[in-house]
């Protein structure tokens, strides 16, 4: 079960890291695309600020997911989850899940406002993954 949790956090790391790095490297293209995407909404005036916020949230989420992946790898190599129960680590995992959920919620809300309903639906599996991860963390910690 620890391996499944570690792989799940790594999947989220790849998701958020690739997306944030793409936004940083292709800032101008992303900004232009988002201006067109939100052209008929009230968010059009805040496109640059929203792009910055999403980029920062995705990058922080990615780094926290990487930390959780490495921490789970440590538990796997020690063949023990005991540190999760008595350590601050459970708070870190839950905080990571909350931050990832907030990031996805921002993306989901933007897509709904832009009336990109199919795009919004594609985010739901990631929410489900984070919900399952949260349940697994609580289960593994004995909480």
C-alpha atoms as a PDB file:
ATOM      1  CA  UNK A   1       0.000   0.000   0.000  1.00  0.00           C
ATOM      2  CA  UNK A   2       2.919   2.357   0.713  1.00  0.00           C
ATOM      3  CA  UNK A   3       4.096   1.896  -2.865  1.00  0.00           C
ATOM      4  CA  UNK A   4       0.672   2.896  -4.212  1.00  0.00           C
ATOM      5  CA  UNK A   5       0.745   6.062  -2.107  1.00  0.00           C
ATOM      6  CA  UNK A   6       4.287   6.891  -3.249  1.00  0.00           C
ATOM      7  CA  UNK A   7       3.397   6.355  -6.917  1.00  0.00           C
ATOM      8  CA  UNK A   8       0.267   8.484  -6.522  1.00  0.00           C
ATOM      9  CA  UNK A   9       2.246  11.380  -5.062  1.00  0.00           C
ATOM     10  CA  UNK A  10       4.792  11.011  -7.853  1.00  0.00           C
ATOM     11  CA  UNK A  11       1.974  11.174 -10.422  1.00  0.00           C
ATOM     12  CA  UNK A  12       0.732  14.403  -8.832  1.00  0.00           C
ATOM     13  CA  UNK A  13       4.306  15.735  -8.782  1.00  0.00           C
ATOM     14  CA  UNK A  14       4.658  15.140 -12.531  1.00  0.00           C
ATOM     15  CA  UNK A  15       1.248  16.704 -13.197  1.00  0.00           C
ATOM     16  CA  UNK A  16       1.916  19.924 -11.300  1.00  0.00           C
ATOM     17  CA  UNK A  17       5.637  20.230 -12.093  1.00  0.00           C
ATOM     18  CA  UNK A  18       5.222  19.841 -15.851  1.00  0.00           C
ATOM     19  CA  UNK A  19       2.334  22.287 -15.876  1.00  0.00           C
ATOM     20  CA  UNK A  20       4.130  24.933 -13.805  1.00  0.00           C
ATOM     21  CA  UNK A  21       7.390  24.648 -15.757  1.00  0.00           C
ATOM     22  CA  UNK A  22       5.457  24.940 -19.022  1.00  0.00           C
ATOM     23  CA  UNK A  23       3.801  28.116 -17.735  1.00  0.00           C
ATOM     24  CA  UNK A  24       7.195  29.561 -16.732  1.00  0.00           C
ATOM     25  CA  UNK A  25       8.982  28.661 -19.975  1.00  0.00           C
ATOM     26  CA  UNK A  26       6.088  29.620 -22.257  1.00  0.00           C
ATOM     27  CA  UNK A  27       4.720  32.515 -20.196  1.00  0.00           C
ATOM     28  CA  UNK A  28       3.905  34.730 -23.176  1.00  0.00           C
ATOM     29  CA  UNK A  29       2.125  31.966 -25.121  1.00  0.00           C
ATOM     30  CA  UNK A  30       0.160  30.878 -22.058  1.00  0.00           C
ATOM     31  CA  UNK A  31      -0.820  34.454 -21.293  1.00  0.00           C
ATOM     32  CA  UNK A  32      -2.032  35.040 -24.859  1.00  0.00           C
ATOM     33  CA  UNK A  33      -3.960  31.767 -24.884  1.00  0.00           C
ATOM     34  CA  UNK A  34      -5.606  32.539 -21.534  1.00  0.00           C
ATOM     35  CA  UNK A  35      -6.635  36.011 -22.692  1.00  0.00           C
ATOM     36  CA  UNK A  36      -8.524  34.378 -25.556  1.00  0.00           C
ATOM     37  CA  UNK A  37      -9.827  31.614 -23.272  1.00  0.00           C
ATOM     38  CA  UNK A  38     -11.310  34.106 -20.776  1.00  0.00           C
ATOM     39  CA  UNK A  39     -12.191  36.797 -23.357  1.00  0.00           C
ATOM     40  CA  UNK A  40     -15.922  36.638 -22.641  1.00  0.00           C
ATOM     41  CA  UNK A  41     -15.629  36.442 -18.846  1.00  0.00           C
ATOM     42  CA  UNK A  42     -14.883  38.835 -16.016  1.00  0.00           C
ATOM     43  CA  UNK A  43     -11.580  36.972 -15.460  1.00  0.00           C
ATOM     44  CA  UNK A  44     -10.110  38.499 -18.616  1.00  0.00           C
ATOM     45  CA  UNK A  45      -9.024  41.605 -16.670  1.00  0.00           C
ATOM     46  CA  UNK A  46      -7.107  39.450 -14.175  1.00  0.00           C
ATOM     47  CA  UNK A  47      -5.416  37.038 -16.587  1.00  0.00           C
ATOM     48  CA  UNK A  48      -1.816  37.935 -15.737  1.00  0.00           C
ATOM     49  CA  UNK A  49      -2.441  37.801 -11.986  1.00  0.00           C
ATOM     50  CA  UNK A  50      -4.381  34.526 -12.280  1.00  0.00           C
ATOM     51  CA  UNK A  51      -1.618  32.979 -14.380  1.00  0.00           C
ATOM     52  CA  UNK A  52       0.944  33.962 -11.759  1.00  0.00           C
ATOM     53  CA  UNK A  53      -1.160  32.561  -8.902  1.00  0.00           C
ATOM     54  CA  UNK A  54      -1.798  29.256 -10.690  1.00  0.00           C
ATOM     55  CA  UNK A  55       1.870  28.906 -11.631  1.00  0.00           C
ATOM     56  CA  UNK A  56       3.015  29.466  -8.038  1.00  0.00           C
ATOM     57  CA  UNK A  57       0.355  27.114  -6.640  1.00  0.00           C
ATOM     58  CA  UNK A  58       1.287  24.392  -9.131  1.00  0.00           C
ATOM     59  CA  UNK A  59       5.002  24.728  -8.396  1.00  0.00           C
ATOM     60  CA  UNK A  60       4.512  24.591  -4.621  1.00  0.00           C
ATOM     61  CA  UNK A  61       2.106  21.660  -5.002  1.00  0.00           C
ATOM     62  CA  UNK A  62       4.674  19.851  -7.165  1.00  0.00           C
ATOM     63  CA  UNK A  63       7.484  20.350  -4.654  1.00  0.00           C
ATOM     64  CA  UNK A  64       5.321  19.184  -1.762  1.00  0.00           C
ATOM     65  CA  UNK A  65       4.255  16.107  -3.753  1.00  0.00           C
ATOM     66  CA  UNK A  66       7.920  15.355  -4.445  1.00  0.00           C
ATOM     67  CA  UNK A  67       8.655  15.631  -0.716  1.00  0.00           C
ATOM     68  CA  UNK A  68       5.785  13.230   0.056  1.00  0.00           C
ATOM     69  CA  UNK A  69       7.023  10.813  -2.624  1.00  0.00           C
ATOM     70  CA  UNK A  70      10.518  10.806  -1.137  1.00  0.00           C
ATOM     71  CA  UNK A  71       9.141  10.466   2.391  1.00  0.00           C
ATOM     72  CA  UNK A  72       7.013   7.492   1.351  1.00  0.00           C
ATOM     73  CA  UNK A  73      10.088   6.008  -0.328  1.00  0.00           C
ATOM     74  CA  UNK A  74      11.867   6.304   3.025  1.00  0.00           C
ATOM     75  CA  UNK A  75       9.020   4.465   4.768  1.00  0.00           C
ATOM     76  CA  UNK A  76       9.134   1.761   2.077  1.00  0.00           C
ATOM     77  CA  UNK A  77      12.907   1.305   2.390  1.00  0.00           C
ATOM     78  CA  UNK A  78      12.611   1.042   6.183  1.00  0.00           C
ATOM     79  CA  UNK A  79       9.608  -1.257   5.768  1.00  0.00           C
ATOM     80  CA  UNK A  80       7.824   0.742   8.453  1.00  0.00           C
ATOM     81  CA  UNK A  81       5.121   3.371   8.677  1.00  0.00           C
ATOM     82  CA  UNK A  82       5.676   4.055  12.386  1.00  0.00           C
ATOM     83  CA  UNK A  83       7.245   7.469  11.748  1.00  0.00           C
ATOM     84  CA  UNK A  84       3.997   8.636  10.177  1.00  0.00           C
ATOM     85  CA  UNK A  85       2.060   8.051  13.401  1.00  0.00           C
ATOM     86  CA  UNK A  86       4.400   9.819  15.803  1.00  0.00           C
ATOM     87  CA  UNK A  87       5.963  12.362  13.516  1.00  0.00           C
ATOM     88  CA  UNK A  88       4.780  15.639  12.024  1.00  0.00           C
ATOM     89  CA  UNK A  89       4.653  13.832   8.683  1.00  0.00           C
ATOM     90  CA  UNK A  90       0.911  13.181   8.673  1.00  0.00           C
ATOM     91  CA  UNK A  91       0.341  16.937   8.816  1.00  0.00           C
ATOM     92  CA  UNK A  92       2.668  17.387   5.840  1.00  0.00           C
ATOM     93  CA  UNK A  93       0.790  14.792   3.799  1.00  0.00           C
ATOM     94  CA  UNK A  94      -2.580  16.327   4.643  1.00  0.00           C
ATOM     95  CA  UNK A  95      -1.301  19.854   3.944  1.00  0.00           C
ATOM     96  CA  UNK A  96      -0.011  18.644   0.579  1.00  0.00           C
ATOM     97  CA  UNK A  97      -3.405  17.130  -0.229  1.00  0.00           C
ATOM     98  CA  UNK A  98      -5.190  20.339   0.739  1.00  0.00           C
ATOM     99  CA  UNK A  99      -2.835  22.504  -1.345  1.00  0.00           C
ATOM    100  CA  UNK A 100      -3.191  20.212  -4.366  1.00  0.00           C
ATOM    101  CA  UNK A 101      -6.981  20.329  -3.964  1.00  0.00           C
ATOM    102  CA  UNK A 102      -6.959  24.131  -3.807  1.00  0.00           C
ATOM    103  CA  UNK A 103      -4.822  24.275  -6.950  1.00  0.00           C
ATOM    104  CA  UNK A 104      -7.202  21.944  -8.779  1.00  0.00           C
ATOM    105  CA  UNK A 105     -10.182  23.889  -7.470  1.00  0.00           C
ATOM    106  CA  UNK A 106      -8.785  27.107  -8.975  1.00  0.00           C
ATOM    107  CA  UNK A 107      -8.286  25.373 -12.325  1.00  0.00           C
ATOM    108  CA  UNK A 108     -11.736  23.752 -12.143  1.00  0.00           C
ATOM    109  CA  UNK A 109     -13.435  27.055 -11.303  1.00  0.00           C
ATOM    110  CA  UNK A 110     -11.698  28.867 -14.147  1.00  0.00           C
ATOM    111  CA  UNK A 111     -12.797  26.223 -16.611  1.00  0.00           C
ATOM    112  CA  UNK A 112     -16.374  26.354 -15.382  1.00  0.00           C
ATOM    113  CA  UNK A 113     -16.426  30.166 -15.639  1.00  0.00           C
ATOM    114  CA  UNK A 114     -15.065  29.907 -19.197  1.00  0.00           C
ATOM    115  CA  UNK A 115     -17.820  27.336 -19.903  1.00  0.00           C
ATOM    116  CA  UNK A 116     -15.238  24.669 -20.729  1.00  0.00           C
ATOM    117  CA  UNK A 117     -17.307  21.947 -19.096  1.00  0.00           C
ATOM    118  CA  UNK A 118     -15.426  19.052 -20.686  1.00  0.00           C
ATOM    119  CA  UNK A 119     -12.108  20.480 -19.454  1.00  0.00           C
ATOM    120  CA  UNK A 120     -13.553  20.844 -15.958  1.00  0.00           C
ATOM    121  CA  UNK A 121     -14.724  17.224 -15.956  1.00  0.00           C
ATOM    122  CA  UNK A 122     -11.183  16.072 -16.782  1.00  0.00           C
ATOM    123  CA  UNK A 123      -9.954  17.486 -13.461  1.00  0.00           C
ATOM    124  CA  UNK A 124     -12.333  15.388 -11.332  1.00  0.00           C
ATOM    125  CA  UNK A 125     -10.191  12.181 -11.376  1.00  0.00           C
ATOM    126  CA  UNK A 126      -7.346  14.121  -9.747  1.00  0.00           C
ATOM    127  CA  UNK A 127      -9.705  15.236  -6.971  1.00  0.00           C
ATOM    128  CA  UNK A 128     -10.715  11.598  -6.479  1.00  0.00           C
ATOM    129  CA  UNK A 129      -7.057  10.555  -6.342  1.00  0.00           C
ATOM    130  CA  UNK A 130      -6.348  13.154  -3.641  1.00  0.00           C
ATOM    131  CA  UNK A 131      -9.417  12.036  -1.673  1.00  0.00           C
ATOM    132  CA  UNK A 132      -8.270   8.414  -1.824  1.00  0.00           C
ATOM    133  CA  UNK A 133      -4.734   9.462  -0.814  1.00  0.00           C
ATOM    134  CA  UNK A 134      -6.124  11.325   2.187  1.00  0.00           C
ATOM    135  CA  UNK A 135      -8.089   8.262   3.277  1.00  0.00           C
ATOM    136  CA  UNK A 136      -5.031   6.021   2.809  1.00  0.00           C
ATOM    137  CA  UNK A 137      -2.823   8.354   4.851  1.00  0.00           C
ATOM    138  CA  UNK A 138      -5.323   8.320   7.707  1.00  0.00           C
ATOM    139  CA  UNK A 139      -5.660   4.553   7.442  1.00  0.00           C
ATOM    140  CA  UNK A 140      -1.903   3.972   7.403  1.00  0.00           C
ATOM    141  CA  UNK A 141      -1.357   6.283  10.344  1.00  0.00           C
ATOM    142  CA  UNK A 142      -3.972   4.511  12.440  1.00  0.00           C
ATOM    143  CA  UNK A 143      -5.897   7.758  12.938  1.00  0.00           C
END
